[in-house]
Protein backbone atom coordinates (compact mmCIF):
# COMPACT_ATOMS: atom_id res chain seq x y z
CA UNK A 1 -20.28 0.66 11.52
CA UNK A 2 -19.96 2.34 8.12
CA UNK A 3 -23.65 1.93 8.32
CA UNK A 4 -24.79 3.06 11.89
CA UNK A 5 -22.04 5.98 11.38
CA UNK A 6 -23.94 7.54 8.33
CA UNK A 7 -27.81 6.60 10.58
CA UNK A 8 -26.23 8.48 13.32
CA UNK A 9 -25.04 10.99 11.58
CA UNK A 10 -28.20 11.53 9.69
CA UNK A 11 -30.20 10.84 13.55
CA UNK A 12 -27.40 14.54 14.23
CA UNK A 13 -29.32 15.71 11.23
CA UNK A 14 -32.93 15.32 12.17
CA UNK A 15 -32.42 16.24 15.67
CA UNK A 16 -31.06 19.49 15.08
CA UNK A 17 -32.94 20.32 12.17
CA UNK A 18 -36.29 19.78 13.83
CA UNK A 19 -35.05 21.66 16.80
CA UNK A 20 -34.45 24.41 15.08
CA UNK A 21 -37.23 23.83 12.32
CA UNK A 22 -39.53 23.78 15.51
CA UNK A 23 -38.10 27.18 17.17
CA UNK A 24 -38.94 29.15 13.84
CA UNK A 25 -42.45 27.48 13.64
CA UNK A 26 -43.38 28.95 17.31
CA UNK A 27 -41.63 32.42 15.96
CA UNK A 28 -43.46 32.29 13.33
CA UNK A 29 -46.98 31.28 14.86
CA UNK A 30 -46.02 34.60 17.10
CA UNK A 31 -44.81 36.41 14.17
CA UNK A 32 -48.10 35.49 11.84
CA UNK A 33 -50.38 36.59 14.99
CA UNK A 34 -47.85 40.09 14.46
CA UNK A 35 -48.46 40.73 10.76
CA UNK A 36 -52.54 39.70 11.06
CA UNK A 37 -52.86 42.62 13.32
CA UNK A 38 -50.58 44.88 11.67
CA UNK A 39 -52.01 44.06 8.30
CA UNK A 40 -55.34 44.94 9.58
CA UNK A 41 -54.24 48.17 10.70
CA UNK A 42 -52.21 49.13 8.39
CA UNK A 43 -53.50 47.69 5.31
CA UNK A 44 -51.69 46.79 2.01
CA UNK A 45 -50.26 49.87 1.37
CA UNK A 46 -48.88 50.40 5.19
CA UNK A 47 -47.21 47.03 4.18
CA UNK A 48 -45.93 47.98 1.09
CA UNK A 49 -44.25 50.96 3.02
CA UNK A 50 -42.69 48.67 6.30
CA UNK A 51 -41.51 46.37 3.71
CA UNK A 52 -39.82 48.93 1.54
CA UNK A 53 -37.93 50.26 4.82
CA UNK A 54 -36.87 47.12 5.91
CA UNK A 55 -35.24 46.42 2.27
CA UNK A 56 -33.52 49.27 2.59
CA UNK A 57 -32.34 48.50 5.92
CA UNK A 58 -31.49 45.19 5.28
CA UNK A 59 -29.44 46.40 1.85
CA UNK A 60 -27.55 49.23 3.81
CA UNK A 61 -26.71 46.33 6.67
CA UNK A 62 -25.52 43.96 4.04
CA UNK A 63 -23.11 46.84 2.61
CA UNK A 64 -21.31 48.00 5.40
CA UNK A 65 -21.31 44.73 8.23
CA UNK A 66 -18.26 43.87 6.00
CA UNK A 67 -19.57 39.87 5.77
CA UNK A 68 -18.57 39.93 9.66
CA UNK A 69 -21.76 37.54 10.52
CA UNK A 70 -20.59 34.75 8.36
CA UNK A 71 -16.74 35.00 8.24
CA UNK A 72 -16.90 35.46 12.25
CA UNK A 73 -18.27 32.22 12.60
CA UNK A 74 -15.69 30.34 10.71
CA UNK A 75 -13.44 32.00 12.68
CA UNK A 76 -14.98 31.56 16.29
CA UNK A 77 -15.34 27.59 15.33
CA UNK A 78 -11.75 26.85 14.48
CA UNK A 79 -10.86 28.45 18.08
CA UNK A 80 -13.63 26.68 19.64
CA UNK A 81 -13.12 23.87 18.30
CA UNK A 82 -9.57 23.28 19.53
CA UNK A 83 -10.91 23.75 22.59
CA UNK A 84 -8.31 26.81 23.60
CA UNK A 85 -9.71 29.26 26.55
CA UNK A 86 -7.41 31.76 25.55
CA UNK A 87 -7.57 31.82 21.47
CA UNK A 88 -11.80 31.30 22.41
CA UNK A 89 -11.53 35.06 24.44
CA UNK A 90 -8.85 36.45 21.92
CA UNK A 91 -11.51 35.87 18.74
CA UNK A 92 -14.13 37.16 20.90
CA UNK A 93 -12.84 40.16 21.77
CA UNK A 94 -11.57 40.59 17.61
CA UNK A 95 -15.68 40.19 16.96
CA UNK A 96 -17.01 42.58 19.16
CA UNK A 97 -14.14 45.58 18.36
CA UNK A 98 -14.80 45.17 14.93
CA UNK A 99 -18.22 44.39 15.65
CA UNK A 100 -18.17 48.15 16.81
CA UNK A 101 -16.67 49.48 13.87
CA UNK A 102 -19.32 48.11 11.34
CA UNK A 103 -21.93 49.28 13.64
CA UNK A 104 -20.48 53.08 12.90
CA UNK A 105 -19.68 52.30 9.75
CA UNK A 106 -23.57 51.80 9.07
CA UNK A 107 -25.05 54.23 11.40
CA UNK A 108 -22.57 57.18 9.05
CA UNK A 109 -23.48 55.89 5.45
CA UNK A 110 -27.17 55.21 5.99
CA UNK A 111 -27.50 58.67 8.25
CA UNK A 112 -25.18 60.59 4.76
CA UNK A 113 -26.78 58.91 1.90
CA UNK A 114 -30.51 59.16 3.28
CA UNK A 115 -31.13 61.53 0.94
CA UNK A 116 -30.57 59.02 -1.76
CA UNK A 117 -31.97 56.32 -0.13
CA UNK A 118 -35.52 58.38 -0.37
CA UNK A 119 -35.00 59.15 -3.93
CA UNK A 120 -34.35 55.63 -5.12
CA UNK A 121 -36.63 53.80 -2.88
CA UNK A 122 -39.34 55.61 -3.86
CA UNK A 123 -39.54 58.13 -6.41
CA UNK A 124 -42.27 59.90 -4.48
CA UNK A 125 -42.85 61.14 -1.31
CA UNK A 126 -39.94 63.34 1.36
CA UNK A 127 -38.54 60.28 3.54
CA UNK A 128 -35.40 61.46 4.27
CA UNK A 129 -35.66 61.92 8.17
CA UNK A 130 -37.28 58.52 8.08
CA UNK A 131 -33.97 57.04 7.24
CA UNK A 132 -31.77 59.46 9.25
CA UNK A 133 -33.86 57.97 12.20
CA UNK A 134 -33.36 54.47 10.86
CA UNK A 135 -29.97 54.87 10.99
CA UNK A 136 -29.14 53.48 14.75
CA UNK A 137 -31.01 50.08 13.70
CA UNK A 138 -28.54 49.98 11.32
CA UNK A 139 -25.86 50.34 13.34
CA UNK A 140 -27.91 47.84 16.39
CA UNK A 141 -28.41 45.07 13.31
CA UNK A 142 -24.26 45.27 13.12
CA UNK A 143 -23.81 44.57 16.91
CA UNK A 144 -26.81 41.57 16.83
CA UNK A 145 -24.81 39.85 14.21
CA UNK A 146 -21.30 39.88 15.73
CA UNK A 147 -23.07 38.52 19.10
CA UNK A 148 -24.93 36.34 17.16
CA UNK A 149 -21.77 34.35 15.62
CA UNK A 150 -20.11 34.37 18.75
CA UNK A 151 -23.23 32.24 20.02
CA UNK A 152 -22.91 30.10 16.58
CA UNK A 153 -19.11 29.47 16.77
CA UNK A 154 -19.43 28.83 20.58
CA UNK A 155 -22.29 26.20 19.45
CA UNK A 156 -24.42 27.33 22.49
CA UNK A 157 -27.92 26.16 20.52
CA UNK A 158 -29.73 26.41 23.30
CA UNK A 159 -29.28 30.25 24.12
CA UNK A 160 -29.98 30.18 20.35
CA UNK A 161 -33.56 29.17 20.34
CA UNK A 162 -34.31 31.05 23.15
CA UNK A 163 -33.29 34.55 21.81
CA UNK A 164 -35.15 33.66 18.38
CA UNK A 165 -38.14 32.83 20.65
CA UNK A 166 -37.97 35.76 22.98
CA UNK A 167 -37.50 38.28 20.06
CA UNK A 168 -40.31 37.69 18.13
CA UNK A 169 -42.67 37.97 21.31
CA UNK A 170 -40.89 41.21 21.91
CA UNK A 171 -41.91 42.30 18.40
CA UNK A 172 -45.20 41.62 19.08
CA UNK A 173 -45.73 43.31 22.68
CA UNK A 174 -43.82 46.25 21.84
CA UNK A 175 -45.02 47.15 18.34
CA UNK A 176 -48.45 46.33 18.05
CA UNK A 177 -49.43 49.00 20.50
CA UNK A 178 -48.10 51.65 18.55
CA UNK A 179 -49.59 50.64 14.91
CA UNK A 180 -52.80 50.95 17.45
CA UNK A 181 -52.66 54.83 18.30
CA UNK A 182 -50.19 55.56 15.11
CA UNK A 183 -50.88 53.27 12.50
CA UNK A 184 -48.61 54.59 9.47
CA UNK A 185 -47.00 56.84 11.52
CA UNK A 186 -45.37 53.77 13.66
CA UNK A 187 -43.49 51.77 11.24
CA UNK A 188 -40.19 53.85 11.64
CA UNK A 189 -40.22 54.04 15.46
CA UNK A 190 -41.10 50.61 15.92
CA UNK A 191 -38.47 49.28 13.84
CA UNK A 192 -35.85 51.16 15.82
CA UNK A 193 -37.43 50.08 19.31
CA UNK A 194 -38.07 46.30 17.62
CA UNK A 195 -33.89 46.32 16.91
CA UNK A 196 -32.83 48.01 20.51
CA UNK A 197 -34.85 45.21 21.44
CA UNK A 198 -33.18 42.11 20.05
CA UNK A 199 -29.96 43.44 20.30
CA UNK A 200 -30.35 44.27 23.97
CA UNK A 201 -31.48 40.25 24.27
CA UNK A 202 -28.78 38.51 22.13
CA UNK A 203 -25.95 41.09 24.06
CA UNK A 204 -27.54 39.68 27.52
CA UNK A 205 -27.04 35.79 26.36
CA UNK A 206 -24.03 36.26 24.72
CA UNK A 207 -22.42 38.21 27.90
CA UNK A 208 -23.46 35.58 29.83
CA UNK A 209 -21.80 32.74 27.99
CA UNK A 210 -18.75 35.03 26.76
CA UNK A 211 -18.55 37.66 29.51
CA UNK A 212 -17.20 41.03 28.17
CA UNK A 213 -13.77 41.28 28.37
CA UNK A 214 -13.15 44.66 26.17
CA UNK A 215 -10.46 45.78 23.67
CA UNK A 216 -10.14 48.32 21.34
CA UNK A 217 -7.24 48.90 19.57
CA UNK A 218 -4.92 48.42 16.69
CA UNK A 219 -3.47 44.96 17.43
CA UNK A 220 -6.71 43.90 18.02
CA UNK A 221 -8.33 45.24 14.97
CA UNK A 222 -5.42 43.82 13.12
CA UNK A 223 -5.72 40.18 14.10
CA UNK A 224 -8.97 40.13 12.45
CA UNK A 225 -7.89 41.05 9.02
CA UNK A 226 -7.83 38.13 7.67
CA UNK A 227 -11.58 37.46 8.85
CA UNK A 228 -12.16 40.85 7.40
CA UNK A 229 -10.76 40.09 4.42
CA UNK A 230 -12.36 36.86 3.81
CA UNK A 231 -15.97 38.62 5.22
CA UNK A 232 -15.63 40.90 1.88
CA UNK A 233 -16.49 38.77 -0.07
CA UNK A 234 -19.17 37.75 1.89
CA UNK A 235 -20.44 41.14 2.04
CA UNK A 236 -20.15 41.32 -1.49
CA UNK A 237 -22.26 38.17 -2.24
CA UNK A 238 -25.00 39.73 0.74
CA UNK A 239 -24.93 43.04 -1.34
CA UNK A 240 -26.02 40.71 -4.63
CA UNK A 241 -28.97 39.39 -2.34
CA UNK A 242 -30.65 42.15 -0.62
CA UNK A 243 -29.18 44.35 -3.64
CA UNK A 244 -31.58 42.73 -5.56
CA UNK A 245 -34.35 42.26 -3.11
CA UNK A 246 -34.52 46.21 -2.83
CA UNK A 247 -34.64 46.79 -7.18
CA UNK A 248 -37.45 44.30 -7.18
CA UNK A 249 -39.39 45.65 -4.57
CA UNK A 250 -38.49 49.32 -5.39
CA UNK A 251 -39.36 48.30 -9.33
CA UNK A 252 -43.01 46.85 -7.72
CA UNK A 253 -43.16 50.27 -5.97
CA UNK A 254 -43.02 52.19 -9.07
CA UNK A 255 -44.24 50.05 -11.73
CA UNK A 256 -47.27 49.30 -9.60
CA UNK A 257 -48.07 51.21 -6.34
CA UNK A 258 -47.49 51.17 -3.07
CA UNK A 259 -50.57 48.52 -2.43
CA UNK A 260 -49.23 46.08 -4.97
CA UNK A 261 -45.83 45.68 -3.03
CA UNK A 262 -47.29 45.24 -0.05
CA UNK A 263 -49.34 42.36 -1.57
CA UNK A 264 -46.16 40.93 -2.63
CA UNK A 265 -44.17 41.17 0.67
CA UNK A 266 -47.13 39.19 2.16
CA UNK A 267 -47.13 36.70 -0.23
CA UNK A 268 -43.28 36.69 0.06
CA UNK A 269 -42.94 36.48 3.47
CA UNK A 270 -45.43 33.67 3.54
CA UNK A 271 -43.92 30.84 1.16
CA UNK A 272 -40.30 32.20 1.13
CA UNK A 273 -39.79 33.45 4.57
CA UNK A 274 -41.88 31.58 6.81
CA UNK A 275 -42.22 28.49 4.52
CA UNK A 276 -37.88 28.49 4.86
CA UNK A 277 -37.95 27.86 8.71
CA UNK A 278 -36.53 24.55 7.98
CA UNK A 279 -33.28 25.56 6.69
CA UNK A 280 -33.04 27.83 9.61
CA UNK A 281 -30.88 24.73 10.84
CA UNK A 282 -27.96 25.33 8.24
CA UNK A 283 -26.63 28.21 10.28
CA UNK A 284 -26.30 26.65 13.31
CA UNK A 285 -25.18 22.92 12.67
CA UNK A 286 -24.68 22.36 9.39
CA UNK A 287 -22.23 24.82 8.33
CA UNK A 288 -20.02 24.30 10.94
CA UNK A 289 -20.11 20.77 10.54
CA UNK A 290 -19.80 21.19 7.09
CA UNK A 291 -16.57 23.64 7.61
CA UNK A 292 -14.85 21.01 9.62
CA UNK A 293 -14.22 18.61 6.79
CA UNK A 294 -10.75 19.09 5.74
CA UNK A 295 -11.13 17.35 2.49
CA UNK A 296 -12.79 17.14 -1.07
CA UNK A 297 -14.40 14.05 -1.16
CA UNK A 298 -17.18 11.24 -0.06
CA UNK A 299 -17.27 12.55 3.26
CA UNK A 300 -17.99 15.74 1.33
CA UNK A 301 -20.53 14.62 -0.30
CA UNK A 302 -21.94 12.34 2.46
CA UNK A 303 -22.32 15.66 4.45
CA UNK A 304 -23.95 17.85 2.29
CA UNK A 305 -26.47 14.83 0.37
CA UNK A 306 -27.77 14.24 3.84
CA UNK A 307 -29.15 17.42 4.61
CA UNK A 308 -30.40 17.71 1.36
CA UNK A 309 -32.70 14.37 2.39
CA UNK A 310 -33.59 15.55 5.77
CA UNK A 311 -34.61 19.24 4.02
CA UNK A 312 -36.30 17.36 1.31
CA UNK A 313 -38.81 15.30 4.02
CA UNK A 314 -39.78 17.71 6.48
CA UNK A 315 -40.56 20.45 4.11
CA UNK A 316 -42.38 18.25 1.18
CA UNK A 317 -45.17 17.68 2.92
CA UNK A 318 -45.65 21.67 4.31
CA UNK A 319 -45.54 22.44 1.14
CA UNK A 320 -48.22 20.63 0.17
CA UNK A 321 -50.45 21.53 2.54
CA UNK A 322 -49.27 25.14 2.17
CA UNK A 323 -50.24 25.44 -1.38
CA UNK A 324 -53.75 23.78 -0.78
CA UNK A 325 -54.58 25.53 2.12
CA UNK A 326 -53.28 29.16 1.04
CA UNK A 327 -57.13 29.75 -0.30
CA UNK A 328 -58.00 29.71 3.46
CA UNK A 329 -54.75 30.88 5.08
CA UNK A 330 -53.89 34.19 3.41
CA UNK A 331 -57.79 35.78 4.61
CA UNK A 332 -57.26 33.71 7.80
CA UNK A 333 -53.32 35.20 8.79
CA UNK A 334 -53.47 38.40 6.99
CA UNK A 335 -57.37 40.45 5.28
CA UNK A 336 -59.45 39.24 2.64
CA UNK A 337 -57.60 42.87 1.44
CA UNK A 338 -55.03 40.21 0.66
CA UNK A 339 -56.55 37.62 -0.85
CA UNK A 340 -54.84 38.47 -4.47
CA UNK A 341 -51.88 37.27 -3.63
CA UNK A 342 -53.03 33.50 -3.40
CA UNK A 343 -51.94 32.29 -6.68
CA UNK A 344 -48.53 33.87 -6.69
CA UNK A 345 -47.74 32.50 -2.87
CA UNK A 346 -48.99 28.97 -4.43
CA UNK A 347 -46.89 29.21 -7.56
CA UNK A 348 -43.81 30.47 -5.12
CA UNK A 349 -44.06 27.60 -2.96
CA UNK A 350 -42.79 25.41 -5.54
CA UNK A 351 -39.56 26.88 -5.54
CA UNK A 352 -38.92 25.69 -2.00
CA UNK A 353 -38.59 22.22 -3.35
CA UNK A 354 -35.46 23.04 -4.82
CA UNK A 355 -34.11 25.32 -2.58
CA UNK A 356 -34.30 22.66 0.01
CA UNK A 357 -32.25 20.77 -2.36
CA UNK A 358 -29.59 23.31 -3.53
CA UNK A 359 -29.13 25.32 -0.25
CA UNK A 360 -27.38 22.75 1.57
CA UNK A 361 -24.40 22.79 -1.98
CA UNK A 362 -24.60 26.56 -1.65
CA UNK A 363 -22.65 26.21 1.61
CA UNK A 364 -20.07 24.40 0.04
CA UNK A 365 -17.51 27.50 -0.99
CA UNK A 366 -18.49 28.93 2.42
CA UNK A 367 -17.58 25.94 4.16
CA UNK A 368 -14.08 25.90 2.22
CA UNK A 369 -13.63 29.68 2.61
CA UNK A 370 -13.67 30.26 -1.31
CA UNK A 371 -14.80 33.35 -1.65
CA UNK A 372 -14.45 33.60 -5.19
CA UNK A 373 -16.54 30.98 -6.06
CA UNK A 374 -18.94 32.11 -3.39
CA UNK A 375 -18.89 35.74 -5.10
CA UNK A 376 -19.43 34.30 -8.32
CA UNK A 377 -22.36 31.95 -7.69
CA UNK A 378 -24.43 34.66 -5.75
CA UNK A 379 -24.08 37.30 -8.27
CA UNK A 380 -24.57 35.49 -11.08
CA UNK A 381 -27.99 34.21 -9.16
CA UNK A 382 -29.03 38.01 -8.24
CA UNK A 383 -28.60 39.07 -11.94
CA UNK A 384 -31.07 36.22 -13.26
CA UNK A 385 -33.25 36.96 -10.38
CA UNK A 386 -33.19 40.44 -11.35
CA UNK A 387 -34.03 40.49 -14.62
CA UNK A 388 -36.63 37.74 -15.04
CA UNK A 389 -38.36 39.34 -11.59
CA UNK A 390 -38.43 42.65 -14.38
CA UNK A 391 -39.69 40.53 -17.25
CA UNK A 392 -41.98 38.73 -15.16
CA UNK A 393 -44.48 41.31 -13.37
CA UNK A 394 -44.10 43.68 -16.41
CA UNK A 395 -46.13 40.62 -18.52
CA UNK A 396 -47.90 38.50 -15.97
CA UNK A 397 -47.91 41.37 -12.51
CA UNK A 398 -47.73 39.37 -9.47
CA UNK A 399 -48.09 36.18 -10.52
CA UNK A 400 -45.24 36.83 -12.72
CA UNK A 401 -43.27 37.52 -9.46
CA UNK A 402 -43.97 33.94 -8.42
CA UNK A 403 -43.04 32.37 -11.89
CA UNK A 404 -39.60 34.30 -11.20
CA UNK A 405 -39.28 32.53 -7.97
CA UNK A 406 -39.56 29.58 -9.62
CA UNK A 407 -37.64 30.10 -13.02
CA UNK A 408 -34.21 31.13 -10.92
CA UNK A 409 -34.72 28.45 -8.79
CA UNK A 410 -34.43 26.08 -11.46
CA UNK A 411 -31.11 28.11 -12.80
CA UNK A 412 -29.68 28.14 -9.52
CA UNK A 413 -29.91 24.21 -8.70
CA UNK A 414 -28.81 23.50 -12.46
CA UNK A 415 -25.89 26.21 -11.81
CA UNK A 416 -24.91 25.14 -8.26
CA UNK A 417 -24.60 21.31 -9.23
CA UNK A 418 -22.23 21.86 -12.47
CA UNK A 419 -19.94 24.07 -10.62
CA UNK A 420 -19.90 22.31 -7.88
CA UNK A 421 -19.07 19.61 -10.04
CA UNK A 422 -16.12 20.98 -11.24
CA UNK A 423 -15.06 22.84 -8.64
CA UNK A 424 -15.06 20.28 -5.67
CA UNK A 425 -16.07 16.76 -7.12
CA UNK A 426 -19.73 17.15 -5.61
CA UNK A 427 -22.06 14.61 -7.16
CA UNK A 428 -25.76 15.02 -6.16
CA UNK A 429 -26.78 11.53 -4.87
CA UNK A 430 -29.05 9.34 -6.49
CA UNK A 431 -31.24 8.80 -3.08
CA UNK A 432 -31.35 12.43 -3.19
CA UNK A 433 -33.00 12.32 -6.66
CA UNK A 434 -35.55 9.49 -5.53
CA UNK A 435 -36.40 11.61 -3.00
CA UNK A 436 -37.28 14.82 -5.36
CA UNK A 437 -38.69 12.65 -8.46
CA UNK A 438 -41.06 11.61 -5.18
CA UNK A 439 -41.87 14.66 -3.63
CA UNK A 440 -42.15 17.53 -6.58
CA UNK A 441 -44.31 15.61 -9.19
CA UNK A 442 -46.82 16.02 -5.50
CA UNK A 443 -46.32 19.04 -5.29
CA UNK A 444 -46.96 19.90 -8.93
CA UNK A 445 -50.45 17.97 -8.71
CA UNK A 446 -51.37 20.13 -5.66
CA UNK A 447 -50.11 23.37 -7.63
CA UNK A 448 -52.41 22.06 -10.63
CA UNK A 449 -55.36 21.45 -8.40
CA UNK A 450 -55.38 24.86 -7.74
CA UNK A 451 -56.89 25.80 -11.15
CA UNK A 452 -60.05 24.05 -10.07
CA UNK A 453 -63.11 25.41 -7.93
CA UNK A 454 -62.44 25.58 -4.73
CA UNK A 455 -65.32 22.95 -3.59
CA UNK A 456 -64.99 19.79 -1.47
CA UNK A 457 -63.07 17.56 -4.19
CA UNK A 458 -60.29 20.30 -4.03
CA UNK A 459 -59.86 19.92 -0.27
CA UNK A 460 -60.29 16.05 -0.27
CA UNK A 461 -57.98 15.58 -3.38
CA UNK A 462 -55.69 18.10 -1.42
CA UNK A 463 -55.89 16.33 1.77
CA UNK A 464 -54.78 13.40 -0.51
CA UNK A 465 -51.60 14.91 -1.58
CA UNK A 466 -50.69 16.22 1.60
CA UNK A 467 -51.06 12.76 3.55
CA UNK A 468 -49.55 11.15 0.70
CA UNK A 469 -46.58 13.75 0.52
CA UNK A 470 -46.44 12.98 4.69
CA UNK A 471 -46.67 9.47 4.15
CA UNK A 472 -43.32 9.17 1.89
CA UNK A 473 -41.27 11.89 4.22
CA UNK A 474 -42.48 9.30 7.18
CA UNK A 475 -41.76 6.14 5.85
CA UNK A 476 -38.57 7.29 4.58
CA UNK A 477 -37.46 8.79 8.01
CA UNK A 478 -38.47 6.03 10.03
CA UNK A 479 -36.46 3.38 7.63
CA UNK A 480 -32.92 6.33 8.35
CA UNK A 481 -33.28 6.39 11.45
CA UNK A 482 -34.43 3.04 13.19
């Protein structure tokens, strides 16, 4: 019976990882078409400018959203789990009220500090007016984040999948015509229009499932105070992540050039962002499931390790194919001007093996409402990532940024396993070690292959390595789900 339950749990994880991985895959295909068009229209410099604006807006959003996107999911999941319609309605009201507060806060912060953002983000040019115009994007992002938290907490998975696809299609349809007409000048207007469309689509779905019953008063806000106190720790942790991204991009822009930043952003997107589509199930299925486990011990370990296994089994063959195929993929998705990022992107892809193995572990403090532990881990990671990026970029340029991603992934994997074992008694399973020892060497060999000429031998060996990784994954999945 225990073996059957474990297999059922494995099938459940595989089902929802596959569902949201598929949705993300479709979304990414559309996003790739958009990026290809934008890259051709704007070039590396334009992509660099857009990257800086997006990184800055994300940083301001993270600094002002009070961690609502994370703490609200846990709060509303608890109300949903006990099937109390009244408690659920109150939780939804509280989240919407606080979303409005964080939206106003974010708008004001972005507007008031726009001169400073311009000065320290770019170091050249006058971009204060651009950040003023982008302040509504911060507000709309806060509203959208609150409604997404409601949908996640109430397990409306189909709605979340539909929103993801619709939003990326709208981003393509609405922004590309602007870039065609105004080129670089369209960056800010396109960001505003895309944020507005995403907010409208998300609200439409959320209000359909959870109708609006607006309440904004002191009792409502006070009910959410516990959620906000927990969220503030997550806010600080989020600021570490977005702040690290912001500082690294600003450093690359000021030390190198906007062209270099555009290349780095493209390489980061094609590997870390797009390659991470397998991890989308973390926020929608795994996190609420992990949060429902009351005690530490065997059940907690089993839940985390099964998620690691599924993530490794799915992403490993994709990473081998990505590493081998990037010399063809980069010019296809962007343009020939982006070819210098191939080596950086191939090296960066190796970091995703360890990301697949450590991300489920990183959710343990979130699920236990252990804000101090989460804050500590995120803070240490951000500091090490920034330092490694600065040193490696100075020594090796773009390739150094790829090396920094791999080194910080190794550091984070070791740190999390040591700390979580001490904190919660978590142990990385033998099955997970076995998978990592099988798949990671194939990825390393694939990366070593990239140092040879891209002749027929390169492609034949690359295809064989991909098939080997795929065969190992299919065999393991079959044995666990039959």
